[in-house]
Protein backbone atom coordinates (compact mmCIF):
# COMPACT_ATOMS: atom_id res chain seq x y z
CA MET A 1 -40.43 15.02 -31.71
CA GLN A 2 -40.07 18.78 -31.64
CA ASN A 3 -43.82 19.29 -31.25
CA PHE A 4 -43.83 16.78 -28.43
CA LYS A 5 -40.96 18.67 -26.77
CA ILE A 6 -42.98 21.88 -26.72
CA PHE A 7 -45.96 20.17 -25.14
CA THR A 8 -43.68 18.27 -22.77
CA CYS A 9 -42.30 21.49 -21.33
CA PHE A 10 -45.78 22.97 -21.02
CA GLY A 11 -47.40 19.92 -19.45
CA VAL A 12 -44.66 18.70 -17.17
CA PHE A 13 -43.60 22.12 -15.92
CA THR A 14 -47.22 23.03 -15.20
CA LEU A 15 -47.69 19.86 -13.22
CA LEU A 16 -44.42 20.27 -11.34
CA LEU A 17 -45.34 23.79 -10.38
CA ALA A 18 -48.69 22.56 -9.10
CA LEU A 19 -47.16 19.73 -7.07
CA GLY A 20 -44.23 21.71 -5.71
CA CYS A 21 -41.82 18.92 -6.73
CA GLN A 22 -41.41 17.57 -3.20
CA LYS A 23 -40.76 13.81 -3.42
CA GLU A 24 -39.13 11.49 -0.89
CA ASN A 25 -36.54 8.95 -2.11
CA PRO A 26 -37.89 9.35 -5.66
CA ILE A 27 -35.64 7.02 -7.63
CA THR A 28 -36.60 4.10 -5.39
CA THR A 29 -40.31 4.64 -5.00
CA LEU A 30 -41.27 6.66 -8.09
CA ALA A 31 -44.58 7.21 -6.29
CA THR A 32 -47.47 8.36 -8.45
CA PRO A 33 -48.12 12.07 -7.87
CA SER A 34 -51.60 13.45 -7.42
CA ILE A 35 -52.85 15.25 -10.52
CA GLU A 36 -55.82 16.95 -8.94
CA GLY A 37 -55.78 20.65 -9.66
CA VAL A 38 -53.26 20.34 -12.48
CA ALA A 39 -53.02 23.56 -14.53
CA SER A 40 -55.72 25.20 -12.44
CA ASP A 41 -54.63 28.58 -13.73
CA ARG A 42 -55.13 27.50 -17.35
CA SER A 43 -58.24 27.35 -19.46
CA GLU A 44 -60.49 24.32 -19.03
CA GLY A 45 -59.33 22.89 -22.35
CA GLU A 46 -55.63 23.36 -21.56
CA ALA A 47 -56.00 21.87 -18.09
CA ALA A 48 -57.79 18.83 -19.52
CA ALA A 49 -55.06 18.35 -22.14
CA VAL A 50 -52.29 18.52 -19.53
CA LYS A 51 -54.11 16.13 -17.20
CA ALA A 52 -54.71 13.66 -20.04
CA ARG A 53 -51.03 13.79 -21.02
CA VAL A 54 -49.94 13.19 -17.44
CA GLU A 55 -52.28 10.23 -17.12
CA GLU A 56 -50.83 8.85 -20.37
CA ILE A 57 -47.29 9.09 -18.98
CA ILE A 58 -48.27 7.43 -15.71
CA ALA A 59 -49.86 4.60 -17.71
CA PHE A 60 -46.63 4.29 -19.73
CA ARG A 61 -44.54 4.06 -16.56
CA ASP A 62 -46.88 1.39 -15.18
CA ALA A 63 -46.64 -0.53 -18.47
CA VAL A 64 -42.84 -0.50 -18.23
CA HIS A 65 -43.11 -2.17 -14.81
CA GLN A 66 -45.22 -4.92 -16.38
CA TRP A 67 -42.92 -5.34 -19.38
CA ARG A 68 -40.00 -6.16 -17.10
CA VAL A 69 -41.69 -9.43 -16.14
CA ASN A 70 -44.09 -9.98 -19.03
CA PRO A 71 -42.94 -8.25 -22.23
CA ALA A 72 -46.20 -8.78 -24.08
CA GLY A 73 -47.72 -6.06 -26.19
CA ASN A 74 -47.29 -4.04 -29.33
CA SER A 75 -44.13 -2.27 -30.39
CA MET A 76 -43.90 1.51 -30.07
CA SER A 77 -42.15 4.17 -32.09
CA ALA A 78 -38.66 4.67 -30.68
CA LEU A 79 -39.20 8.43 -30.70
CA ASP A 80 -42.45 8.05 -28.76
CA ALA A 81 -40.82 5.73 -26.23
CA ILE A 82 -37.92 8.14 -25.71
CA GLU A 83 -40.28 11.08 -25.35
CA LYS A 84 -42.45 9.33 -22.79
CA THR A 85 -39.40 8.15 -20.84
CA GLU A 86 -38.14 11.73 -20.71
CA ILE A 87 -41.47 13.08 -19.49
CA ALA A 88 -41.80 10.30 -16.90
CA PHE A 89 -38.45 11.08 -15.31
CA ASN A 90 -39.16 14.81 -15.29
CA LEU A 91 -42.64 14.19 -13.89
CA PHE A 92 -41.57 11.94 -11.05
CA LEU A 93 -38.09 13.29 -10.33
CA GLY A 94 -37.60 16.72 -11.88
CA GLN A 95 -37.36 19.75 -9.64
CA PRO A 96 -37.07 22.71 -12.05
CA THR A 97 -38.75 25.13 -9.64
CA LYS A 98 -36.22 24.42 -6.88
CA ALA A 99 -33.10 26.54 -6.33
CA PHE A 100 -29.81 24.80 -5.57
CA GLU A 101 -26.43 25.89 -4.28
CA SER A 102 -24.73 24.53 -7.40
CA TYR A 103 -25.49 22.54 -10.53
CA GLU A 104 -23.86 19.80 -12.57
CA TRP A 105 -24.46 19.07 -16.25
CA ILE A 106 -23.95 15.44 -17.28
CA GLU A 107 -23.98 14.11 -20.84
CA GLN A 108 -23.87 10.39 -21.50
CA ASP A 109 -24.89 8.11 -24.37
CA ILE A 110 -27.02 4.97 -24.02
CA ALA A 111 -26.75 2.36 -26.76
CA VAL A 112 -30.10 1.41 -28.31
CA GLY A 113 -31.38 -0.70 -31.16
CA ALA A 114 -31.33 0.77 -34.65
CA SER A 115 -34.99 -0.08 -35.32
CA ALA A 116 -37.47 2.77 -35.69
CA ASN A 117 -39.90 0.78 -33.53
CA TRP A 118 -39.07 -0.76 -30.15
CA SER A 119 -40.52 -3.87 -28.57
CA PRO A 120 -41.76 -3.79 -24.96
CA THR A 121 -38.50 -5.47 -23.93
CA ALA A 122 -36.41 -2.81 -25.70
CA ILE A 123 -38.44 -0.02 -24.09
CA ALA A 124 -38.08 -1.48 -20.60
CA THR A 125 -34.35 -1.99 -21.17
CA PHE A 126 -33.92 1.63 -22.24
CA PHE A 127 -36.04 2.96 -19.37
CA ASP A 128 -33.97 0.97 -16.88
CA ALA A 129 -30.71 2.20 -18.43
CA VAL A 130 -31.84 5.80 -17.89
CA LYS A 131 -32.93 4.92 -14.35
CA ALA A 132 -29.55 3.33 -13.61
CA LEU A 133 -27.73 6.45 -14.80
CA VAL A 134 -29.94 8.74 -12.73
CA SER A 135 -29.54 6.48 -9.66
CA GLU A 136 -25.76 6.59 -10.05
CA LYS A 137 -25.66 10.38 -10.27
CA LEU A 138 -28.03 10.81 -7.31
CA ASN A 139 -25.80 8.66 -5.12
CA GLY A 140 -23.77 10.74 -2.70
CA GLY A 141 -24.35 14.29 -1.52
CA ASN A 142 -27.59 16.20 -1.29
CA ARG A 143 -28.41 15.90 -4.98
CA ALA A 144 -31.57 15.98 -7.07
CA VAL A 145 -32.60 15.90 -10.71
CA PHE A 146 -33.19 19.45 -11.88
CA ILE A 147 -34.27 18.38 -15.36
CA ILE A 148 -33.47 15.61 -17.84
CA SER A 149 -33.54 15.74 -21.64
CA LEU A 150 -33.20 12.79 -24.02
CA GLY A 151 -32.07 13.18 -27.60
CA ASN A 152 -33.20 11.36 -30.73
CA PRO A 153 -31.28 8.20 -31.68
CA SER A 154 -28.13 8.89 -33.67
CA VAL A 155 -25.40 6.65 -35.08
CA SER A 156 -21.93 7.00 -33.60
CA ASP A 157 -19.15 4.45 -34.20
CA VAL A 158 -21.67 2.26 -36.04
CA VAL A 159 -23.81 2.06 -32.89
CA SER A 160 -27.19 3.72 -32.44
CA LYS A 161 -27.20 5.84 -29.28
CA VAL A 162 -29.44 8.20 -27.35
CA ARG A 163 -27.80 11.17 -25.67
CA VAL A 164 -28.90 11.76 -22.06
CA ASN A 165 -28.54 15.34 -20.85
CA LEU A 166 -28.92 15.30 -17.09
CA HIS A 167 -28.98 18.58 -15.19
CA MET A 168 -28.39 17.92 -11.49
CA GLY A 169 -29.01 20.25 -8.56
CA ILE A 170 -26.71 20.02 -5.55
CA ASN A 171 -27.69 21.16 -2.04
CA PRO A 172 -31.21 22.61 -2.27
CA LEU A 173 -31.71 26.12 -0.95
CA ASP A 174 -34.66 27.06 1.23
CA LYS A 175 -34.01 30.74 0.71
CA VAL A 176 -32.48 32.50 -2.27
CA GLU A 177 -30.85 35.84 -1.58
CA PRO A 178 -31.69 38.59 -4.10
CA TYR A 179 -28.95 39.06 -6.65
CA ALA A 180 -26.97 42.28 -6.28
CA PHE A 181 -26.61 43.77 -9.76
CA HIS A 182 -23.40 45.56 -10.66
CA ASP A 183 -23.56 49.27 -11.32
CA GLY A 184 -22.60 50.41 -14.81
CA THR A 185 -22.16 47.02 -16.47
CA ARG A 186 -21.99 47.21 -20.26
CA TRP A 187 -22.51 44.76 -23.07
CA GLY A 188 -19.14 45.40 -24.66
CA LYS A 189 -15.57 45.87 -23.49
CA ALA A 190 -15.16 49.27 -25.08
CA PRO A 191 -15.01 52.28 -22.73
CA ILE A 192 -18.57 53.29 -23.54
CA GLY A 193 -19.84 49.82 -24.43
CA PHE A 194 -21.06 50.55 -27.94
CA THR A 195 -18.14 49.52 -30.16
CA ASP A 196 -19.11 47.07 -32.90
CA PRO A 197 -18.85 44.15 -32.38
CA THR A 198 -19.83 44.24 -28.73
CA PRO A 199 -19.23 40.80 -27.16
CA CYS A 200 -21.00 40.30 -23.87
CA GLY A 201 -18.42 39.51 -21.24
CA GLY A 202 -17.46 39.87 -17.61
CA ALA A 203 -20.05 40.99 -15.11
CA ALA A 204 -22.58 41.69 -17.86
CA ASN A 205 -23.02 37.95 -18.52
CA THR A 206 -23.85 37.33 -14.87
CA ASP A 207 -26.18 40.31 -14.64
CA ILE A 208 -28.08 39.39 -17.80
CA GLY A 209 -28.50 35.78 -16.66
CA ALA A 210 -29.67 36.87 -13.21
CA ALA A 211 -32.13 39.34 -14.73
CA ALA A 212 -33.56 36.62 -16.98
CA ASN A 213 -33.94 34.21 -14.07
CA GLN A 214 -35.63 36.77 -11.86
CA GLN A 215 -37.95 37.63 -14.72
CA ILE A 216 -39.32 34.08 -14.76
CA GLY A 217 -39.34 33.74 -10.98
CA VAL A 218 -36.51 31.26 -10.51
């Protein structure tokens, strides 16, 4: 799944940047986004790969809708089903390029079957469990999904579970004020900042994080 994760970040984030992540009432409609112009700043081969992956995820989401009423079809690797569910929610709901006033990090486990392969019914059940959790956390306040990450199945208390890591944004910002860096911040707490070890603390943590964010254009 690690290789899929790398491509997921590349493909989904490229698409979200292209689309601007503006979606109305997303958890209800889950409207299919346009994929024209996806990865236009990439090479022809990369753009084609991203577009193909996005089309694959949209087809998966559409299949889940069908499996709710007619669970006919072949089983799928649990890891593949989890991966595609993660990408689908990031594709249709994620807003990683949007700045928010504050953020909330939510971790919750969803019980799943222990089988390495899931039936269409099991996949639809898992997809809907993730959707129910997201719907619950979106309810109330001006909230949005910043990004969602799903873990591999693991056994806890004799039950197989998937960990959902949900990063929520609260109160979107139309304008982000430039961060005012502190003068003379140091990595360490020593008077001159070079004593070994030099734990990063205080204002330096904030400055370093802000510098990293500004470097990638957040």
